[in-house]
Amino acid sequence: QWKKQRTIIKPTFQYGNLKSLMPGFHNISQELCSHLDGFLEDGKFEPHFWMSRTTLDALGKCGFGMDFDALNGKMSEIYRAYE
């Protein structure tokens, strides 16, 4: 059973495929950093809040080609379902 599943998913994790996702991950991480820069003064932020939004944006953009814009607070129907 696992051999069949591995055969199906293996091409996804080839270097070329992962490399093609890097620009999307880079853009999302830069956006996250710009949001977190605002917390440098007091040094407090809620990691779960920001990481869950980052994860949703990364999955949307790199996995489905959709921009959920969760990091910018756009509370789409998809984000509310994710929460």
PDB file of N, CA and C in Angstrom:
ATOM      1  N   GLN A   1       0.836  -1.195   0.000  1.00  0.00           N
ATOM      2  CA  GLN A   1       0.000   0.000   0.000  1.00  0.00           C
ATOM      3  C   GLN A   1       0.882   1.261   0.000  1.00  0.00           C
ATOM      4  N   TRP A   2       1.860   1.341   0.895  1.00  0.00           N
ATOM      5  CA  TRP A   2       2.684   2.543   0.975  1.00  0.00           C
ATOM      6  C   TRP A   2       3.541   2.731  -0.265  1.00  0.00           C
ATOM      7  N   LYS A   3       3.933   1.656  -0.923  1.00  0.00           N
ATOM      8  CA  LYS A   3       4.751   1.776  -2.132  1.00  0.00           C
ATOM      9  C   LYS A   3       3.979   2.488  -3.245  1.00  0.00           C
ATOM     10  N   LYS A   4       2.700   2.177  -3.353  1.00  0.00           N
ATOM     11  CA  LYS A   4       1.868   2.832  -4.363  1.00  0.00           C
ATOM     12  C   LYS A   4       1.744   4.328  -4.056  1.00  0.00           C
ATOM     13  N   GLN A   5       1.497   4.654  -2.796  1.00  0.00           N
ATOM     14  CA  GLN A   5       1.373   6.057  -2.401  1.00  0.00           C
ATOM     15  C   GLN A   5       2.686   6.805  -2.610  1.00  0.00           C
ATOM     16  N   ARG A   6       3.789   6.161  -2.256  1.00  0.00           N
ATOM     17  CA  ARG A   6       5.101   6.789  -2.429  1.00  0.00           C
ATOM     18  C   ARG A   6       5.374   7.051  -3.907  1.00  0.00           C
ATOM     19  N   THR A   7       5.033   6.114  -4.756  1.00  0.00           N
ATOM     20  CA  THR A   7       5.242   6.270  -6.195  1.00  0.00           C
ATOM     21  C   THR A   7       4.440   7.454  -6.734  1.00  0.00           C
ATOM     22  N   ILE A   8       3.254   7.625  -6.220  1.00  0.00           N
ATOM     23  CA  ILE A   8       2.397   8.723  -6.682  1.00  0.00           C
ATOM     24  C   ILE A   8       2.940  10.076  -6.231  1.00  0.00           C
ATOM     25  N   ILE A   9       3.390  10.170  -4.987  1.00  0.00           N
ATOM     26  CA  ILE A   9       3.786  11.468  -4.439  1.00  0.00           C
ATOM     27  C   ILE A   9       5.248  11.812  -4.646  1.00  0.00           C
ATOM     28  N   LYS A  10       6.074  10.855  -4.969  1.00  0.00           N
ATOM     29  CA  LYS A  10       7.518  11.068  -5.101  1.00  0.00           C
ATOM     30  C   LYS A  10       7.890  12.198  -6.063  1.00  0.00           C
ATOM     31  N   PRO A  11       7.290  12.309  -7.241  1.00  0.00           N
ATOM     32  CA  PRO A  11       7.676  13.399  -8.154  1.00  0.00           C
ATOM     33  C   PRO A  11       7.483  14.800  -7.567  1.00  0.00           C
ATOM     34  N   THR A  12       6.580  14.936  -6.641  1.00  0.00           N
ATOM     35  CA  THR A  12       6.322  16.229  -6.022  1.00  0.00           C
ATOM     36  C   THR A  12       7.549  16.763  -5.308  1.00  0.00           C
ATOM     37  N   PHE A  13       8.339  15.878  -4.736  1.00  0.00           N
ATOM     38  CA  PHE A  13       9.466  16.288  -3.918  1.00  0.00           C
ATOM     39  C   PHE A  13      10.801  16.246  -4.658  1.00  0.00           C
ATOM     40  N   GLN A  14      10.768  16.201  -5.973  1.00  0.00           N
ATOM     41  CA  GLN A  14      12.001  16.284  -6.744  1.00  0.00           C
ATOM     42  C   GLN A  14      12.522  17.714  -6.715  1.00  0.00           C
ATOM     43  N   TYR A  15      13.825  17.842  -6.828  1.00  0.00           N
ATOM     44  CA  TYR A  15      14.488  19.139  -6.699  1.00  0.00           C
ATOM     45  C   TYR A  15      13.878  20.214  -7.601  1.00  0.00           C
ATOM     46  N   GLY A  16      13.651  19.882  -8.825  1.00  0.00           N
ATOM     47  CA  GLY A  16      13.105  20.868  -9.762  1.00  0.00           C
ATOM     48  C   GLY A  16      11.744  21.387  -9.350  1.00  0.00           C
ATOM     49  N   ASN A  17      10.905  20.503  -8.864  1.00  0.00           N
ATOM     50  CA  ASN A  17       9.569  20.924  -8.420  1.00  0.00           C
ATOM     51  C   ASN A  17       9.643  21.798  -7.183  1.00  0.00           C
ATOM     52  N   LEU A  18      10.476  21.408  -6.223  1.00  0.00           N
ATOM     53  CA  LEU A  18      10.619  22.210  -5.011  1.00  0.00           C
ATOM     54  C   LEU A  18      11.262  23.555  -5.310  1.00  0.00           C
ATOM     55  N   LYS A  19      12.227  23.562  -6.218  1.00  0.00           N
ATOM     56  CA  LYS A  19      12.891  24.810  -6.596  1.00  0.00           C
ATOM     57  C   LYS A  19      11.898  25.800  -7.203  1.00  0.00           C
ATOM     58  N   SER A  20      10.951  25.290  -7.951  1.00  0.00           N
ATOM     59  CA  SER A  20       9.966  26.180  -8.579  1.00  0.00           C
ATOM     60  C   SER A  20       9.038  26.829  -7.546  1.00  0.00           C
ATOM     61  N   LEU A  21       8.941  26.248  -6.361  1.00  0.00           N
ATOM     62  CA  LEU A  21       8.096  26.813  -5.296  1.00  0.00           C
ATOM     63  C   LEU A  21       8.809  27.885  -4.484  1.00  0.00           C
ATOM     64  N   MET A  22      10.130  27.935  -4.570  1.00  0.00           N
ATOM     65  CA  MET A  22      10.907  28.843  -3.728  1.00  0.00           C
ATOM     66  C   MET A  22      10.526  30.318  -3.877  1.00  0.00           C
ATOM     67  N   PRO A  23      10.297  30.840  -5.067  1.00  0.00           N
ATOM     68  CA  PRO A  23       9.909  32.260  -5.146  1.00  0.00           C
ATOM     69  C   PRO A  23       8.624  32.557  -4.364  1.00  0.00           C
ATOM     70  N   GLY A  24       7.667  31.661  -4.412  1.00  0.00           N
ATOM     71  CA  GLY A  24       6.434  31.863  -3.650  1.00  0.00           C
ATOM     72  C   GLY A  24       6.679  31.842  -2.158  1.00  0.00           C
ATOM     73  N   PHE A  25       7.476  30.871  -1.684  1.00  0.00           N
ATOM     74  CA  PHE A  25       7.816  30.810  -0.256  1.00  0.00           C
ATOM     75  C   PHE A  25       8.612  32.042   0.166  1.00  0.00           C
ATOM     76  N   HIS A  26       9.505  32.485  -0.708  1.00  0.00           N
ATOM     77  CA  HIS A  26      10.314  33.663  -0.392  1.00  0.00           C
ATOM     78  C   HIS A  26       9.429  34.906  -0.238  1.00  0.00           C
ATOM     79  N   ASN A  27       8.518  35.103  -1.168  1.00  0.00           N
ATOM     80  CA  ASN A  27       7.625  36.270  -1.087  1.00  0.00           C
ATOM     81  C   ASN A  27       6.783  36.246   0.175  1.00  0.00           C
ATOM     82  N   ILE A  28       6.264  35.087   0.514  1.00  0.00           N
ATOM     83  CA  ILE A  28       5.429  34.976   1.711  1.00  0.00           C
ATOM     84  C   ILE A  28       6.256  35.209   2.962  1.00  0.00           C
ATOM     85  N   SER A  29       7.475  34.686   3.004  1.00  0.00           N
ATOM     86  CA  SER A  29       8.319  34.901   4.189  1.00  0.00           C
ATOM     87  C   SER A  29       8.723  36.362   4.318  1.00  0.00           C
ATOM     88  N   GLN A  30       8.960  37.038   3.204  1.00  0.00           N
ATOM     89  CA  GLN A  30       9.269  38.469   3.251  1.00  0.00           C
ATOM     90  C   GLN A  30       8.076  39.262   3.781  1.00  0.00           C
ATOM     91  N   GLU A  31       6.900  38.883   3.367  1.00  0.00           N
ATOM     92  CA  GLU A  31       5.690  39.546   3.844  1.00  0.00           C
ATOM     93  C   GLU A  31       5.512  39.323   5.349  1.00  0.00           C
ATOM     94  N   LEU A  32       5.757  38.093   5.792  1.00  0.00           N
ATOM     95  CA  LEU A  32       5.683  37.795   7.224  1.00  0.00           C
ATOM     96  C   LEU A  32       6.692  38.634   7.994  1.00  0.00           C
ATOM     97  N   CYS A  33       7.912  38.719   7.506  1.00  0.00           N
ATOM     98  CA  CYS A  33       8.946  39.505   8.190  1.00  0.00           C
ATOM     99  C   CYS A  33       8.552  40.972   8.293  1.00  0.00           C
ATOM    100  N   SER A  34       7.942  41.492   7.249  1.00  0.00           N
ATOM    101  CA  SER A  34       7.524  42.902   7.303  1.00  0.00           C
ATOM    102  C   SER A  34       6.442  43.111   8.363  1.00  0.00           C
ATOM    103  N   HIS A  35       5.573  42.133   8.549  1.00  0.00           N
ATOM    104  CA  HIS A  35       4.560  42.242   9.601  1.00  0.00           C
ATOM    105  C   HIS A  35       5.197  42.117  10.982  1.00  0.00           C
ATOM    106  N   LEU A  36       6.151  41.219  11.114  1.00  0.00           N
ATOM    107  CA  LEU A  36       6.783  40.989  12.413  1.00  0.00           C
ATOM    108  C   LEU A  36       7.722  42.117  12.814  1.00  0.00           C
ATOM    109  N   ASP A  37       8.216  42.876  11.852  1.00  0.00           N
ATOM    110  CA  ASP A  37       9.070  44.025  12.181  1.00  0.00           C
ATOM    111  C   ASP A  37       8.355  45.010  13.089  1.00  0.00           C
ATOM    112  N   GLY A  38       7.054  45.074  12.983  1.00  0.00           N
ATOM    113  CA  GLY A  38       6.275  45.965  13.837  1.00  0.00           C
ATOM    114  C   GLY A  38       6.280  45.566  15.303  1.00  0.00           C
ATOM    115  N   PHE A  39       6.671  44.342  15.591  1.00  0.00           N
ATOM    116  CA  PHE A  39       6.688  43.863  16.968  1.00  0.00           C
ATOM    117  C   PHE A  39       8.060  43.992  17.619  1.00  0.00           C
ATOM    118  N   LEU A  40       9.023  44.583  16.926  1.00  0.00           N
ATOM    119  CA  LEU A  40      10.370  44.698  17.471  1.00  0.00           C
ATOM    120  C   LEU A  40      10.422  45.589  18.708  1.00  0.00           C
ATOM    121  N   GLU A  41       9.576  46.578  18.758  1.00  0.00           N
ATOM    122  CA  GLU A  41       9.591  47.516  19.882  1.00  0.00           C
ATOM    123  C   GLU A  41       9.263  46.836  21.207  1.00  0.00           C
ATOM    124  N   ASP A  42       8.133  46.152  21.271  1.00  0.00           N
ATOM    125  CA  ASP A  42       7.729  45.523  22.535  1.00  0.00           C
ATOM    126  C   ASP A  42       8.152  44.061  22.633  1.00  0.00           C
ATOM    127  N   GLY A  43       8.503  43.444  21.513  1.00  0.00           N
ATOM    128  CA  GLY A  43       9.011  42.076  21.531  1.00  0.00           C
ATOM    129  C   GLY A  43       7.966  41.009  21.786  1.00  0.00           C
ATOM    130  N   LYS A  44       6.694  41.349  21.697  1.00  0.00           N
ATOM    131  CA  LYS A  44       5.634  40.374  21.948  1.00  0.00           C
ATOM    132  C   LYS A  44       4.772  40.210  20.707  1.00  0.00           C
ATOM    133  N   PHE A  45       4.508  38.961  20.385  1.00  0.00           N
ATOM    134  CA  PHE A  45       3.578  38.669  19.304  1.00  0.00           C
ATOM    135  C   PHE A  45       3.038  37.268  19.514  1.00  0.00           C
ATOM    136  N   GLU A  46       1.946  36.977  18.854  1.00  0.00           N
ATOM    137  CA  GLU A  46       1.302  35.669  18.984  1.00  0.00           C
ATOM    138  C   GLU A  46       1.749  34.783  17.823  1.00  0.00           C
ATOM    139  N   PRO A  47       2.673  33.833  18.070  1.00  0.00           N
ATOM    140  CA  PRO A  47       3.206  33.015  16.972  1.00  0.00           C
ATOM    141  C   PRO A  47       2.145  32.206  16.236  1.00  0.00           C
ATOM    142  N   HIS A  48       1.212  31.613  16.953  1.00  0.00           N
ATOM    143  CA  HIS A  48       0.199  30.771  16.292  1.00  0.00           C
ATOM    144  C   HIS A  48      -0.611  31.583  15.293  1.00  0.00           C
ATOM    145  N   PHE A  49      -0.982  32.770  15.665  1.00  0.00           N
ATOM    146  CA  PHE A  49      -1.764  33.648  14.797  1.00  0.00           C
ATOM    147  C   PHE A  49      -1.033  33.881  13.473  1.00  0.00           C
ATOM    148  N   TRP A  50       0.244  34.262  13.548  1.00  0.00           N
ATOM    149  CA  TRP A  50       0.993  34.600  12.350  1.00  0.00           C
ATOM    150  C   TRP A  50       1.413  33.364  11.566  1.00  0.00           C
ATOM    151  N   MET A  51       1.774  32.298  12.244  1.00  0.00           N
ATOM    152  CA  MET A  51       2.208  31.095  11.537  1.00  0.00           C
ATOM    153  C   MET A  51       1.041  30.401  10.828  1.00  0.00           C
ATOM    154  N   SER A  52      -0.142  30.431  11.424  1.00  0.00           N
ATOM    155  CA  SER A  52      -1.293  29.818  10.757  1.00  0.00           C
ATOM    156  C   SER A  52      -1.659  30.591   9.494  1.00  0.00           C
ATOM    157  N   ARG A  53      -1.565  31.900   9.549  1.00  0.00           N
ATOM    158  CA  ARG A  53      -1.843  32.707   8.354  1.00  0.00           C
ATOM    159  C   ARG A  53      -0.770  32.499   7.287  1.00  0.00           C
ATOM    160  N   THR A  54       0.478  32.397   7.727  1.00  0.00           N
ATOM    161  CA  THR A  54       1.575  32.152   6.786  1.00  0.00           C
ATOM    162  C   THR A  54       1.401  30.802   6.106  1.00  0.00           C
ATOM    163  N   THR A  55       1.042  29.797   6.889  1.00  0.00           N
ATOM    164  CA  THR A  55       0.831  28.459   6.336  1.00  0.00           C
ATOM    165  C   THR A  55      -0.287  28.462   5.305  1.00  0.00           C
ATOM    166  N   LEU A  56      -1.374  29.122   5.614  1.00  0.00           N
ATOM    167  CA  LEU A  56      -2.495  29.175   4.675  1.00  0.00           C
ATOM    168  C   LEU A  56      -2.100  29.886   3.386  1.00  0.00           C
ATOM    169  N   ASP A  57      -1.372  31.000   3.506  1.00  0.00           N
ATOM    170  CA  ASP A  57      -0.940  31.699   2.302  1.00  0.00           C
ATOM    171  C   ASP A  57       0.017  30.855   1.475  1.00  0.00           C
ATOM    172  N   ALA A  58       0.941  30.141   2.147  1.00  0.00           N
ATOM    173  CA  ALA A  58       1.892  29.293   1.419  1.00  0.00           C
ATOM    174  C   ALA A  58       1.177  28.147   0.714  1.00  0.00           C
ATOM    175  N   LEU A  59       0.251  27.505   1.396  1.00  0.00           N
ATOM    176  CA  LEU A  59      -0.502  26.417   0.769  1.00  0.00           C
ATOM    177  C   LEU A  59      -1.328  26.932  -0.404  1.00  0.00           C
ATOM    178  N   GLY A  60      -1.962  28.065  -0.213  1.00  0.00           N
ATOM    179  CA  GLY A  60      -2.795  28.626  -1.276  1.00  0.00           C
ATOM    180  C   GLY A  60      -1.988  29.002  -2.495  1.00  0.00           C
ATOM    181  N   LYS A  61      -0.899  29.750  -2.273  1.00  0.00           N
ATOM    182  CA  LYS A  61      -0.122  30.248  -3.406  1.00  0.00           C
ATOM    183  C   LYS A  61       0.696  29.148  -4.074  1.00  0.00           C
ATOM    184  N   CYS A  62       1.405  28.358  -3.288  1.00  0.00           N
ATOM    185  CA  CYS A  62       2.309  27.352  -3.865  1.00  0.00           C
ATOM    186  C   CYS A  62       1.608  26.042  -4.194  1.00  0.00           C
ATOM    187  N   GLY A  63       0.558  25.724  -3.469  1.00  0.00           N
ATOM    188  CA  GLY A  63      -0.124  24.463  -3.700  1.00  0.00           C
ATOM    189  C   GLY A  63      -1.289  24.551  -4.663  1.00  0.00           C
ATOM    190  N   PHE A  64      -1.996  25.681  -4.634  1.00  0.00           N
ATOM    191  CA  PHE A  64      -3.215  25.794  -5.434  1.00  0.00           C
ATOM    192  C   PHE A  64      -3.200  26.969  -6.411  1.00  0.00           C
ATOM    193  N   GLY A  65      -2.172  27.807  -6.342  1.00  0.00           N
ATOM    194  CA  GLY A  65      -2.100  28.957  -7.234  1.00  0.00           C
ATOM    195  C   GLY A  65      -3.108  30.036  -6.911  1.00  0.00           C
ATOM    196  N   MET A  66      -3.548  30.083  -5.654  1.00  0.00           N
ATOM    197  CA  MET A  66      -4.534  31.087  -5.232  1.00  0.00           C
ATOM    198  C   MET A  66      -3.922  31.978  -4.162  1.00  0.00           C
ATOM    199  N   ASP A  67      -4.285  33.237  -4.158  1.00  0.00           N
ATOM    200  CA  ASP A  67      -3.778  34.164  -3.149  1.00  0.00           C
ATOM    201  C   ASP A  67      -4.866  34.404  -2.116  1.00  0.00           C
ATOM    202  N   PHE A  68      -4.721  33.750  -0.952  1.00  0.00           N
ATOM    203  CA  PHE A  68      -5.712  33.897   0.113  1.00  0.00           C
ATOM    204  C   PHE A  68      -5.533  35.209   0.864  1.00  0.00           C
ATOM    205  N   ASP A  69      -4.327  35.767   0.837  1.00  0.00           N
ATOM    206  CA  ASP A  69      -4.028  37.063   1.465  1.00  0.00           C
ATOM    207  C   ASP A  69      -4.358  37.074   2.955  1.00  0.00           C
ATOM    208  N   ALA A  70      -4.143  35.959   3.616  1.00  0.00           N
ATOM    209  CA  ALA A  70      -4.443  35.850   5.047  1.00  0.00           C
ATOM    210  C   ALA A  70      -3.498  36.696   5.889  1.00  0.00           C
ATOM    211  N   LEU A  71      -2.246  36.862   5.463  1.00  0.00           N
ATOM    212  CA  LEU A  71      -1.297  37.672   6.229  1.00  0.00           C
ATOM    213  C   LEU A  71      -1.726  39.128   6.307  1.00  0.00           C
ATOM    214  N   ASN A  72      -2.453  39.580   5.315  1.00  0.00           N
ATOM    215  CA  ASN A  72      -2.918  40.966   5.312  1.00  0.00           C
ATOM    216  C   ASN A  72      -4.307  41.128   5.911  1.00  0.00           C
ATOM    217  N   GLY A  73      -4.793  40.084   6.562  1.00  0.00           N
ATOM    218  CA  GLY A  73      -6.047  40.188   7.289  1.00  0.00           C
ATOM    219  C   GLY A  73      -7.294  40.045   6.449  1.00  0.00           C
ATOM    220  N   LYS A  74      -7.159  39.600   5.232  1.00  0.00           N
ATOM    221  CA  LYS A  74      -8.348  39.388   4.404  1.00  0.00           C
ATOM    222  C   LYS A  74      -9.027  38.113   4.895  1.00  0.00           C
ATOM    223  N   MET A  75     -10.108  38.266   5.570  1.00  0.00           N
ATOM    224  CA  MET A  75     -10.803  37.122   6.164  1.00  0.00           C
ATOM    225  C   MET A  75     -11.754  36.509   5.148  1.00  0.00           C
ATOM    226  N   SER A  76     -11.155  35.801   4.213  1.00  0.00           N
ATOM    227  CA  SER A  76     -11.962  35.159   3.189  1.00  0.00           C
ATOM    228  C   SER A  76     -12.725  33.982   3.795  1.00  0.00           C
ATOM    229  N   GLU A  77     -13.660  33.484   3.040  1.00  0.00           N
ATOM    230  CA  GLU A  77     -14.431  32.330   3.475  1.00  0.00           C
ATOM    231  C   GLU A  77     -13.511  31.131   3.715  1.00  0.00           C
ATOM    232  N   ILE A  78     -12.499  31.017   2.891  1.00  0.00           N
ATOM    233  CA  ILE A  78     -11.541  29.910   3.041  1.00  0.00           C
ATOM    234  C   ILE A  78     -10.786  30.031   4.347  1.00  0.00           C
ATOM    235  N   TYR A  79     -10.350  31.233   4.696  1.00  0.00           N
ATOM    236  CA  TYR A  79      -9.621  31.412   5.957  1.00  0.00           C
ATOM    237  C   TYR A  79     -10.510  31.128   7.159  1.00  0.00           C
ATOM    238  N   ARG A  80     -11.734  31.583   7.105  1.00  0.00           N
ATOM    239  CA  ARG A  80     -12.645  31.324   8.239  1.00  0.00           C
ATOM    240  C   ARG A  80     -12.888  29.828   8.391  1.00  0.00           C
ATOM    241  N   ALA A  81     -12.965  29.094   7.304  1.00  0.00           N
ATOM    242  CA  ALA A  81     -13.128  27.640   7.381  1.00  0.00           C
ATOM    243  C   ALA A  81     -11.878  26.998   7.958  1.00  0.00           C
ATOM    244  N   TYR A  82     -10.701  27.534   7.610  1.00  0.00           N
ATOM    245  CA  TYR A  82      -9.428  27.022   8.114  1.00  0.00           C
ATOM    246  C   TYR A  82      -9.309  27.225   9.618  1.00  0.00           C
ATOM    247  N   GLU A  83      -9.749  28.377  10.083  1.00  0.00           N
ATOM    248  CA  GLU A  83      -9.687  28.689  11.509  1.00  0.00           C
ATOM    249  C   GLU A  83     -10.564  27.720  12.279  1.00  0.00           C
TER     250      GLU A  83
END
